[in-house]
């Protein structure tokens, strides 16, 4: 999976969100509760894990994401990007000021070991 490189380099904090529904319009934050905040090596390791997700083809489920990560720079104001993961249809939707249109929708192999590891991290962060 490809993340916006400049945003990854600027990220100092990742917020893990347990998504409770879909946003009212595309490009707005996914509603839900923050379960964890990762900084330092935790954030770097999580971003590397996300980037290592192998690609996949789309599986139709209607996109029902369960988790997202929001990446913040040191100012901690607006998120650089948010990536919402649906492990059913293997889709990731990203939005934010640092996300070019070509990266907004991607597909990953939800059965890959990297995806299982990421889901385990998300579950451990559950609020």
C-alpha atoms as a PDB file:
ATOM      1  CA  UNK A   1       0.000   0.000   0.000  1.00  0.00           C
ATOM      2  CA  UNK A   2       1.211   3.468  -0.740  1.00  0.00           C
ATOM      3  CA  UNK A   3       0.984   6.297   1.772  1.00  0.00           C
ATOM      4  CA  UNK A   4       1.776   9.946   0.980  1.00  0.00           C
ATOM      5  CA  UNK A   5       5.546  10.013   1.537  1.00  0.00           C
ATOM      6  CA  UNK A   6       5.796  13.640   2.701  1.00  0.00           C
ATOM      7  CA  UNK A   7       3.011  13.077   5.226  1.00  0.00           C
ATOM      8  CA  UNK A   8       4.636   9.906   6.546  1.00  0.00           C
ATOM      9  CA  UNK A   9       7.908  11.796   7.032  1.00  0.00           C
ATOM     10  CA  UNK A  10       6.089  14.580   8.913  1.00  0.00           C
ATOM     11  CA  UNK A  11       3.987  12.285  11.122  1.00  0.00           C
ATOM     12  CA  UNK A  12       4.731  12.457  14.841  1.00  0.00           C
ATOM     13  CA  UNK A  13       1.475  10.953  16.124  1.00  0.00           C
ATOM     14  CA  UNK A  14      -0.953   8.310  14.877  1.00  0.00           C
ATOM     15  CA  UNK A  15      -4.424   8.146  16.352  1.00  0.00           C
ATOM     16  CA  UNK A  16      -6.254   4.816  16.085  1.00  0.00           C
ATOM     17  CA  UNK A  17     -10.023   5.188  15.722  1.00  0.00           C
ATOM     18  CA  UNK A  18     -12.656   2.477  16.143  1.00  0.00           C
ATOM     19  CA  UNK A  19     -15.108   3.620  13.476  1.00  0.00           C
ATOM     20  CA  UNK A  20     -18.766   3.784  14.503  1.00  0.00           C
ATOM     21  CA  UNK A  21     -20.298   4.789  11.162  1.00  0.00           C
ATOM     22  CA  UNK A  22     -19.663   6.497   7.872  1.00  0.00           C
ATOM     23  CA  UNK A  23     -18.989  10.225   7.655  1.00  0.00           C
ATOM     24  CA  UNK A  24     -21.778  12.467   6.349  1.00  0.00           C
ATOM     25  CA  UNK A  25     -19.722  13.245   3.247  1.00  0.00           C
ATOM     26  CA  UNK A  26     -16.543  11.942   1.692  1.00  0.00           C
ATOM     27  CA  UNK A  27     -13.410  13.690   2.902  1.00  0.00           C
ATOM     28  CA  UNK A  28     -14.613  14.325   6.452  1.00  0.00           C
ATOM     29  CA  UNK A  29     -13.313  12.378   9.469  1.00  0.00           C
ATOM     30  CA  UNK A  30     -14.816   8.996  10.208  1.00  0.00           C
ATOM     31  CA  UNK A  31     -16.860   9.060  13.417  1.00  0.00           C
ATOM     32  CA  UNK A  32     -15.689   6.903  16.273  1.00  0.00           C
ATOM     33  CA  UNK A  33     -13.657   6.732  19.449  1.00  0.00           C
ATOM     34  CA  UNK A  34      -9.912   7.034  19.633  1.00  0.00           C
ATOM     35  CA  UNK A  35      -8.456   3.913  21.175  1.00  0.00           C
ATOM     36  CA  UNK A  36      -4.761   4.675  21.137  1.00  0.00           C
ATOM     37  CA  UNK A  37      -2.203   7.278  20.254  1.00  0.00           C
ATOM     38  CA  UNK A  38       1.067   6.013  18.870  1.00  0.00           C
ATOM     39  CA  UNK A  39       4.195   8.154  18.877  1.00  0.00           C
ATOM     40  CA  UNK A  40       7.858   7.539  18.177  1.00  0.00           C
ATOM     41  CA  UNK A  41       8.773   4.000  17.198  1.00  0.00           C
ATOM     42  CA  UNK A  42       5.163   2.796  17.596  1.00  0.00           C
ATOM     43  CA  UNK A  43       4.011   5.255  14.923  1.00  0.00           C
ATOM     44  CA  UNK A  44       6.979   4.496  12.659  1.00  0.00           C
ATOM     45  CA  UNK A  45       6.438   0.746  12.974  1.00  0.00           C
ATOM     46  CA  UNK A  46       2.688   1.026  12.317  1.00  0.00           C
ATOM     47  CA  UNK A  47       3.237   3.182   9.224  1.00  0.00           C
ATOM     48  CA  UNK A  48       5.839   0.716   7.930  1.00  0.00           C
ATOM     49  CA  UNK A  49       3.399  -2.150   8.509  1.00  0.00           C
ATOM     50  CA  UNK A  50       0.655  -0.297   6.613  1.00  0.00           C
ATOM     51  CA  UNK A  51       3.036   0.437   3.751  1.00  0.00           C
ATOM     52  CA  UNK A  52       3.984  -3.259   3.603  1.00  0.00           C
ATOM     53  CA  UNK A  53       0.379  -4.370   2.986  1.00  0.00           C
ATOM     54  CA  UNK A  54       0.331  -6.229  -0.328  1.00  0.00           C
ATOM     55  CA  UNK A  55      -2.136  -5.094  -2.933  1.00  0.00           C
ATOM     56  CA  UNK A  56      -5.299  -6.961  -3.814  1.00  0.00           C
ATOM     57  CA  UNK A  57      -8.350  -6.797  -5.982  1.00  0.00           C
ATOM     58  CA  UNK A  58     -11.564  -5.226  -4.788  1.00  0.00           C
ATOM     59  CA  UNK A  59     -14.083  -7.429  -2.992  1.00  0.00           C
ATOM     60  CA  UNK A  60     -17.630  -6.079  -2.872  1.00  0.00           C
ATOM     61  CA  UNK A  61     -19.086  -5.539   0.587  1.00  0.00           C
ATOM     62  CA  UNK A  62     -20.283  -1.954   0.373  1.00  0.00           C
ATOM     63  CA  UNK A  63     -17.284  -0.563   2.303  1.00  0.00           C
ATOM     64  CA  UNK A  64     -17.892  -0.897   6.004  1.00  0.00           C
ATOM     65  CA  UNK A  65     -14.605   0.130   7.654  1.00  0.00           C
ATOM     66  CA  UNK A  66     -13.948  -0.797  11.238  1.00  0.00           C
ATOM     67  CA  UNK A  67     -10.727   1.084  11.903  1.00  0.00           C
ATOM     68  CA  UNK A  68      -8.853   4.164  10.813  1.00  0.00           C
ATOM     69  CA  UNK A  69      -5.587   5.855  11.587  1.00  0.00           C
ATOM     70  CA  UNK A  70      -5.147   9.609  11.586  1.00  0.00           C
ATOM     71  CA  UNK A  71      -1.662  10.975  11.082  1.00  0.00           C
ATOM     72  CA  UNK A  72      -0.664  14.289  12.671  1.00  0.00           C
ATOM     73  CA  UNK A  73       2.375  16.522  12.304  1.00  0.00           C
ATOM     74  CA  UNK A  74       3.988  18.198  15.315  1.00  0.00           C
ATOM     75  CA  UNK A  75       1.408  21.025  15.264  1.00  0.00           C
ATOM     76  CA  UNK A  76      -1.325  18.443  16.061  1.00  0.00           C
ATOM     77  CA  UNK A  77      -3.983  20.558  14.348  1.00  0.00           C
ATOM     78  CA  UNK A  78      -5.522  19.037  11.208  1.00  0.00           C
ATOM     79  CA  UNK A  79      -4.737  15.458  10.322  1.00  0.00           C
ATOM     80  CA  UNK A  80      -2.278  15.070   7.464  1.00  0.00           C
ATOM     81  CA  UNK A  81      -4.309  12.062   6.382  1.00  0.00           C
ATOM     82  CA  UNK A  82      -6.802   9.544   7.624  1.00  0.00           C
ATOM     83  CA  UNK A  83      -6.822   5.996   6.289  1.00  0.00           C
ATOM     84  CA  UNK A  84      -9.965   3.911   6.896  1.00  0.00           C
ATOM     85  CA  UNK A  85      -9.633   0.129   6.540  1.00  0.00           C
ATOM     86  CA  UNK A  86     -12.348  -2.325   5.539  1.00  0.00           C
ATOM     87  CA  UNK A  87     -11.067  -5.849   6.103  1.00  0.00           C
ATOM     88  CA  UNK A  88     -14.145  -7.306   4.324  1.00  0.00           C
ATOM     89  CA  UNK A  89     -13.772  -5.686   0.913  1.00  0.00           C
ATOM     90  CA  UNK A  90      -9.998  -5.186   1.230  1.00  0.00           C
ATOM     91  CA  UNK A  91     -10.346  -1.449   0.647  1.00  0.00           C
ATOM     92  CA  UNK A  92      -8.585   1.519   2.186  1.00  0.00           C
ATOM     93  CA  UNK A  93      -9.935   5.012   1.682  1.00  0.00           C
ATOM     94  CA  UNK A  94      -7.697   7.936   2.499  1.00  0.00           C
ATOM     95  CA  UNK A  95      -8.370  11.623   2.678  1.00  0.00           C
ATOM     96  CA  UNK A  96      -6.618  14.684   4.026  1.00  0.00           C
ATOM     97  CA  UNK A  97      -4.547  17.616   2.900  1.00  0.00           C
ATOM     98  CA  UNK A  98      -1.566  15.408   2.045  1.00  0.00           C
ATOM     99  CA  UNK A  99      -3.440  12.770   0.007  1.00  0.00           C
ATOM    100  CA  UNK A 100      -3.226  13.039  -3.779  1.00  0.00           C
ATOM    101  CA  UNK A 101      -6.284  11.704  -5.660  1.00  0.00           C
ATOM    102  CA  UNK A 102      -4.297   8.710  -6.973  1.00  0.00           C
ATOM    103  CA  UNK A 103      -3.875   7.389  -3.400  1.00  0.00           C
ATOM    104  CA  UNK A 104      -7.424   8.041  -2.160  1.00  0.00           C
ATOM    105  CA  UNK A 105      -8.693   4.483  -2.791  1.00  0.00           C
ATOM    106  CA  UNK A 106      -6.488   1.412  -2.595  1.00  0.00           C
ATOM    107  CA  UNK A 107      -6.955  -2.315  -2.082  1.00  0.00           C
ATOM    108  CA  UNK A 108      -4.969  -4.621   0.183  1.00  0.00           C
ATOM    109  CA  UNK A 109      -4.801  -8.355   0.809  1.00  0.00           C
ATOM    110  CA  UNK A 110      -6.731  -8.747   4.072  1.00  0.00           C
ATOM    111  CA  UNK A 111      -5.536 -12.349   4.335  1.00  0.00           C
ATOM    112  CA  UNK A 112      -1.844 -11.444   4.283  1.00  0.00           C
ATOM    113  CA  UNK A 113       0.229 -11.775   7.478  1.00  0.00           C
ATOM    114  CA  UNK A 114       0.802  -7.995   7.482  1.00  0.00           C
ATOM    115  CA  UNK A 115      -2.966  -7.387   7.454  1.00  0.00           C
ATOM    116  CA  UNK A 116      -3.459  -9.851  10.324  1.00  0.00           C
ATOM    117  CA  UNK A 117      -0.728  -8.059  12.297  1.00  0.00           C
ATOM    118  CA  UNK A 118      -2.319  -4.664  11.622  1.00  0.00           C
ATOM    119  CA  UNK A 119      -5.756  -5.891  12.675  1.00  0.00           C
ATOM    120  CA  UNK A 120      -4.240  -7.298  15.882  1.00  0.00           C
ATOM    121  CA  UNK A 121      -2.716  -3.872  16.618  1.00  0.00           C
ATOM    122  CA  UNK A 122      -6.069  -2.209  16.005  1.00  0.00           C
ATOM    123  CA  UNK A 123      -7.872  -4.667  18.272  1.00  0.00           C
ATOM    124  CA  UNK A 124      -5.299  -4.173  21.032  1.00  0.00           C
ATOM    125  CA  UNK A 125      -5.965  -0.419  20.775  1.00  0.00           C
ATOM    126  CA  UNK A 126      -9.755  -0.796  21.043  1.00  0.00           C
ATOM    127  CA  UNK A 127     -11.402   1.677  23.407  1.00  0.00           C
END
